[in-house]
Amino acid sequence: MEAKFIGKAKLTKQGQLTLPQEARQDLKIDSKSEVYWYEFNDILILVKDLVNPKELISLVFSKRKKK
């Protein structure tokens, strides 16, 4: 798994963000979808399904095994 840059979003005065179109398309997120935010060491993680935080951190920050 590699990181993929999707784009940037600007926070409005009301605290709203727009999820970039490419991310919405890739993740099949529409206007009726809910997304979930997690914070870990000053990193925000957005997911489309609710997950156990310990499992999420393990998945996102696991080290790849050397071949």
Protein backbone atom coordinates (compact mmCIF):
# COMPACT_ATOMS: atom_id res chain seq x y z
CA MET A 1 0.00 0.00 0.00
CA GLU A 2 1.37 3.38 -0.97
CA ALA A 3 0.19 6.87 -0.17
CA LYS A 4 -1.57 8.68 -3.00
CA PHE A 5 -1.84 12.46 -3.11
CA ILE A 6 -5.42 13.39 -3.99
CA GLY A 7 -5.44 17.17 -3.67
CA LYS A 8 -5.96 19.84 -1.10
CA ALA A 9 -8.97 21.40 0.58
CA LYS A 10 -9.44 24.80 2.16
CA LEU A 11 -11.25 25.08 5.47
CA THR A 12 -14.17 27.54 5.32
CA LYS A 13 -15.05 29.98 8.10
CA GLN A 14 -17.83 27.57 9.04
CA GLY A 15 -15.28 24.76 9.48
CA GLN A 16 -16.29 22.87 6.34
CA LEU A 17 -14.05 21.01 3.92
CA THR A 18 -14.75 19.73 0.43
CA LEU A 19 -13.49 16.23 -0.25
CA PRO A 20 -11.71 16.29 -3.63
CA GLN A 21 -13.67 14.75 -6.51
CA GLU A 22 -10.99 12.14 -7.24
CA ALA A 23 -11.18 10.86 -3.65
CA ARG A 24 -14.98 10.69 -3.80
CA GLN A 25 -14.82 8.75 -7.05
CA ASP A 26 -12.04 6.38 -5.93
CA LEU A 27 -13.78 5.59 -2.63
CA LYS A 28 -17.33 5.59 -4.10
CA ILE A 29 -18.47 8.31 -1.70
CA ASP A 30 -21.61 10.23 -2.64
CA SER A 31 -23.61 13.04 -1.03
CA LYS A 32 -25.46 10.55 1.21
CA SER A 33 -22.27 8.93 2.51
CA GLU A 34 -20.77 9.43 5.93
CA VAL A 35 -17.03 9.50 6.57
CA TYR A 36 -15.11 9.11 9.81
CA TRP A 37 -12.09 11.04 11.05
CA TYR A 38 -9.35 9.73 13.32
CA GLU A 39 -6.39 11.67 14.73
CA PHE A 40 -3.06 10.05 15.50
CA ASN A 41 0.14 11.99 16.27
CA ASP A 42 -1.11 15.16 14.54
CA ILE A 43 -2.21 13.20 11.45
CA LEU A 44 -5.87 13.19 10.39
CA ILE A 45 -7.10 9.97 8.82
CA LEU A 46 -10.38 9.87 6.90
CA VAL A 47 -12.12 6.54 6.32
CA LYS A 48 -15.45 5.64 4.75
CA ASP A 49 -16.20 2.80 7.18
CA LEU A 50 -16.12 2.89 10.97
CA VAL A 51 -13.15 0.86 12.22
CA ASN A 52 -11.43 -0.03 15.47
CA PRO A 53 -8.75 2.67 16.03
CA LYS A 54 -6.11 0.09 17.00
CA GLU A 55 -6.72 -1.84 13.78
CA LEU A 56 -6.61 1.37 11.74
CA ILE A 57 -3.28 2.46 13.20
CA SER A 58 -1.87 -1.01 12.63
CA LEU A 59 -3.04 -0.96 9.01
CA VAL A 60 -1.90 2.56 8.17
CA PHE A 61 1.39 2.62 10.04
CA SER A 62 2.56 -0.98 9.73
CA LYS A 63 6.07 -1.42 8.41
CA ARG A 64 6.47 -3.34 5.19
CA LYS A 65 8.50 -6.52 5.51
CA LYS A 66 11.84 -6.43 3.76
CA LYS A 67 12.28 -8.98 1.00
